[in-house]
Amino acid sequence: KSNIDAAIMKEELQRKIDTWQPGDGSPQANLQDVLDRYKPSHSILECAEGYYNDLEPEQEDGPVYLRDIAVKMQEWAPEYDPRAHFGEDEGALVTKDQWFEYVFSVLNQLEEAAVIEAR
């Protein structure tokens, strides 16, 4: 019975993924907003995705604890303390869109497209 419940939940989640709209507050819409604002190159996007997967979220594309990010950042780039960006609460959850924004704005020092276009 547990396998059936898991399959039903997966199907419901898939429907949500397939039906998001820009600005609807869904994880997909929030991530797309970040991508639209920063317009990262393909290599930067792949890098952000790869590092996110290395954080091993409990659910695919699910949030990650700040404490887990802090530990990994000590390995990857100790000069960047994620608490300076996300706050001191290591029990806080960081969503995928928040992670991507951190990678784009802090680690890759990208500016939002609107800022660049305004110049």
C-alpha atoms as a PDB file:
ATOM      1  CA  LYS A   1       0.000   0.000   0.000  1.00  0.00           C
ATOM      2  CA  SER A   2       2.878   2.352   0.727  1.00  0.00           C
ATOM      3  CA  ASN A   3       4.152   1.984  -2.868  1.00  0.00           C
ATOM      4  CA  ILE A   4       0.722   2.970  -4.177  1.00  0.00           C
ATOM      5  CA  ASP A   5       0.649   6.044  -1.924  1.00  0.00           C
ATOM      6  CA  ALA A   6       4.126   7.016  -3.118  1.00  0.00           C
ATOM      7  CA  ALA A   7       3.057   6.626  -6.751  1.00  0.00           C
ATOM      8  CA  ILE A   8      -0.027   8.769  -6.195  1.00  0.00           C
ATOM      9  CA  MET A   9       2.046  11.460  -4.486  1.00  0.00           C
ATOM     10  CA  LYS A  10       4.594  11.406  -7.321  1.00  0.00           C
ATOM     11  CA  GLU A  11       1.822  11.779  -9.896  1.00  0.00           C
ATOM     12  CA  GLU A  12       0.310  14.731  -7.999  1.00  0.00           C
ATOM     13  CA  LEU A  13       3.714  16.417  -7.799  1.00  0.00           C
ATOM     14  CA  GLN A  14       4.254  15.847 -11.522  1.00  0.00           C
ATOM     15  CA  ARG A  15       0.928  17.518 -12.287  1.00  0.00           C
ATOM     16  CA  LYS A  16       2.020  20.534 -10.239  1.00  0.00           C
ATOM     17  CA  ILE A  17       5.313  20.678 -12.117  1.00  0.00           C
ATOM     18  CA  ASP A  18       3.566  20.546 -15.466  1.00  0.00           C
ATOM     19  CA  THR A  19       1.024  23.230 -14.642  1.00  0.00           C
ATOM     20  CA  TRP A  20       3.007  26.087 -13.090  1.00  0.00           C
ATOM     21  CA  GLN A  21       2.605  29.657 -14.322  1.00  0.00           C
ATOM     22  CA  PRO A  22       5.082  32.550 -14.001  1.00  0.00           C
ATOM     23  CA  GLY A  23       4.584  34.345 -10.698  1.00  0.00           C
ATOM     24  CA  ASP A  24       2.355  31.680  -9.145  1.00  0.00           C
ATOM     25  CA  GLY A  25       4.738  31.126  -6.216  1.00  0.00           C
ATOM     26  CA  SER A  26       5.479  27.521  -7.140  1.00  0.00           C
ATOM     27  CA  PRO A  27       9.076  26.282  -6.881  1.00  0.00           C
ATOM     28  CA  GLN A  28       9.296  26.139 -10.674  1.00  0.00           C
ATOM     29  CA  ALA A  29       8.020  29.708 -11.091  1.00  0.00           C
ATOM     30  CA  ASN A  30      10.409  30.995  -8.411  1.00  0.00           C
ATOM     31  CA  LEU A  31      13.354  29.269 -10.085  1.00  0.00           C
ATOM     32  CA  GLN A  32      12.356  30.602 -13.496  1.00  0.00           C
ATOM     33  CA  ASP A  33      12.185  34.111 -12.023  1.00  0.00           C
ATOM     34  CA  VAL A  34      15.789  33.798 -10.820  1.00  0.00           C
ATOM     35  CA  LEU A  35      16.898  32.477 -14.218  1.00  0.00           C
ATOM     36  CA  ASP A  36      15.113  35.329 -16.000  1.00  0.00           C
ATOM     37  CA  ARG A  37      16.651  37.942 -13.706  1.00  0.00           C
ATOM     38  CA  TYR A  38      20.265  36.745 -13.927  1.00  0.00           C
ATOM     39  CA  LYS A  39      20.340  35.119 -17.377  1.00  0.00           C
ATOM     40  CA  PRO A  40      23.259  32.822 -16.496  1.00  0.00           C
ATOM     41  CA  SER A  41      25.353  31.143 -19.158  1.00  0.00           C
ATOM     42  CA  HIS A  42      24.762  27.456 -19.756  1.00  0.00           C
ATOM     43  CA  SER A  43      27.994  26.547 -17.940  1.00  0.00           C
ATOM     44  CA  ILE A  44      27.088  28.612 -14.849  1.00  0.00           C
ATOM     45  CA  LEU A  45      23.611  27.066 -14.817  1.00  0.00           C
ATOM     46  CA  GLU A  46      25.070  23.552 -15.035  1.00  0.00           C
ATOM     47  CA  CYS A  47      27.507  24.404 -12.237  1.00  0.00           C
ATOM     48  CA  ALA A  48      24.703  25.666  -9.972  1.00  0.00           C
ATOM     49  CA  GLU A  49      22.641  22.561 -10.695  1.00  0.00           C
ATOM     50  CA  GLY A  50      25.590  20.239 -10.078  1.00  0.00           C
ATOM     51  CA  TYR A  51      26.458  21.824  -6.759  1.00  0.00           C
ATOM     52  CA  TYR A  52      22.796  21.757  -5.724  1.00  0.00           C
ATOM     53  CA  ASN A  53      22.624  18.034  -6.453  1.00  0.00           C
ATOM     54  CA  ASP A  54      25.831  17.549  -4.443  1.00  0.00           C
ATOM     55  CA  LEU A  55      24.031  19.102  -1.463  1.00  0.00           C
ATOM     56  CA  GLU A  56      21.812  16.009  -1.596  1.00  0.00           C
ATOM     57  CA  PRO A  57      18.372  17.447  -0.872  1.00  0.00           C
ATOM     58  CA  GLU A  58      16.044  14.918   0.745  1.00  0.00           C
ATOM     59  CA  GLN A  59      13.586  15.350  -2.124  1.00  0.00           C
ATOM     60  CA  GLU A  60      14.600  15.984  -5.721  1.00  0.00           C
ATOM     61  CA  ASP A  61      14.730  19.777  -6.146  1.00  0.00           C
ATOM     62  CA  GLY A  62      13.639  20.116  -2.507  1.00  0.00           C
ATOM     63  CA  PRO A  63      15.065  22.531   0.062  1.00  0.00           C
ATOM     64  CA  VAL A  64      18.402  22.020   1.819  1.00  0.00           C
ATOM     65  CA  TYR A  65      19.372  23.015   5.348  1.00  0.00           C
ATOM     66  CA  LEU A  66      21.682  25.999   5.611  1.00  0.00           C
ATOM     67  CA  ARG A  67      23.948  23.966   7.903  1.00  0.00           C
ATOM     68  CA  ASP A  68      24.485  21.455   5.070  1.00  0.00           C
ATOM     69  CA  ILE A  69      25.305  24.282   2.670  1.00  0.00           C
ATOM     70  CA  ALA A  70      27.756  25.773   5.189  1.00  0.00           C
ATOM     71  CA  VAL A  71      29.570  22.438   5.540  1.00  0.00           C
ATOM     72  CA  LYS A  72      29.838  21.942   1.780  1.00  0.00           C
ATOM     73  CA  MET A  73      30.927  25.536   1.194  1.00  0.00           C
ATOM     74  CA  GLN A  74      33.820  24.946   3.603  1.00  0.00           C
ATOM     75  CA  GLU A  75      34.970  22.212   1.209  1.00  0.00           C
ATOM     76  CA  TRP A  76      34.208  24.012  -2.053  1.00  0.00           C
ATOM     77  CA  ALA A  77      34.979  27.677  -1.396  1.00  0.00           C
ATOM     78  CA  PRO A  78      35.751  28.480   2.257  1.00  0.00           C
ATOM     79  CA  GLU A  79      36.097  32.188   1.472  1.00  0.00           C
ATOM     80  CA  TYR A  80      32.326  32.327   0.904  1.00  0.00           C
ATOM     81  CA  ASP A  81      30.269  31.955   4.078  1.00  0.00           C
ATOM     82  CA  PRO A  82      26.642  31.311   3.086  1.00  0.00           C
ATOM     83  CA  ARG A  83      25.437  32.658   6.438  1.00  0.00           C
ATOM     84  CA  ALA A  84      26.445  36.133   5.260  1.00  0.00           C
ATOM     85  CA  HIS A  85      23.805  35.774   2.540  1.00  0.00           C
ATOM     86  CA  PHE A  86      21.124  33.596   4.158  1.00  0.00           C
ATOM     87  CA  GLY A  87      21.419  34.591   7.831  1.00  0.00           C
ATOM     88  CA  GLU A  88      22.729  32.826  10.908  1.00  0.00           C
ATOM     89  CA  ASP A  89      19.946  30.256  11.449  1.00  0.00           C
ATOM     90  CA  GLU A  90      21.659  27.056  10.328  1.00  0.00           C
ATOM     91  CA  GLY A  91      18.351  25.215  10.710  1.00  0.00           C
ATOM     92  CA  ALA A  92      16.814  27.389   7.996  1.00  0.00           C
ATOM     93  CA  LEU A  93      15.762  25.719   4.776  1.00  0.00           C
ATOM     94  CA  VAL A  94      17.159  27.075   1.514  1.00  0.00           C
ATOM     95  CA  THR A  95      15.063  26.426  -1.583  1.00  0.00           C
ATOM     96  CA  LYS A  96      16.514  25.648  -4.985  1.00  0.00           C
ATOM     97  CA  ASP A  97      15.716  29.111  -6.334  1.00  0.00           C
ATOM     98  CA  GLN A  98      17.419  30.709  -3.309  1.00  0.00           C
ATOM     99  CA  TRP A  99      20.481  28.518  -3.884  1.00  0.00           C
ATOM    100  CA  PHE A 100      20.628  29.493  -7.566  1.00  0.00           C
ATOM    101  CA  GLU A 101      20.340  33.178  -6.687  1.00  0.00           C
ATOM    102  CA  TYR A 102      23.187  32.749  -4.193  1.00  0.00           C
ATOM    103  CA  VAL A 103      25.377  31.009  -6.777  1.00  0.00           C
ATOM    104  CA  PHE A 104      24.629  33.587  -9.453  1.00  0.00           C
ATOM    105  CA  SER A 105      24.891  36.752  -7.348  1.00  0.00           C
ATOM    106  CA  VAL A 106      27.551  35.827  -4.785  1.00  0.00           C
ATOM    107  CA  LEU A 107      29.720  33.059  -6.189  1.00  0.00           C
ATOM    108  CA  ASN A 108      29.604  34.088  -9.847  1.00  0.00           C
ATOM    109  CA  GLN A 109      29.012  37.776  -9.114  1.00  0.00           C
ATOM    110  CA  LEU A 110      26.399  38.094 -11.855  1.00  0.00           C
ATOM    111  CA  GLU A 111      24.224  41.160 -11.905  1.00  0.00           C
ATOM    112  CA  GLU A 112      20.531  41.085 -12.601  1.00  0.00           C
ATOM    113  CA  ALA A 113      19.790  41.602 -16.294  1.00  0.00           C
ATOM    114  CA  ALA A 114      17.714  44.732 -15.546  1.00  0.00           C
ATOM    115  CA  VAL A 115      20.751  46.362 -13.877  1.00  0.00           C
ATOM    116  CA  ILE A 116      22.956  45.583 -16.864  1.00  0.00           C
ATOM    117  CA  GLU A 117      20.332  46.810 -19.346  1.00  0.00           C
ATOM    118  CA  ALA A 118      19.902  50.070 -17.417  1.00  0.00           C
ATOM    119  CA  ARG A 119      23.538  51.016 -18.005  1.00  0.00           C
END
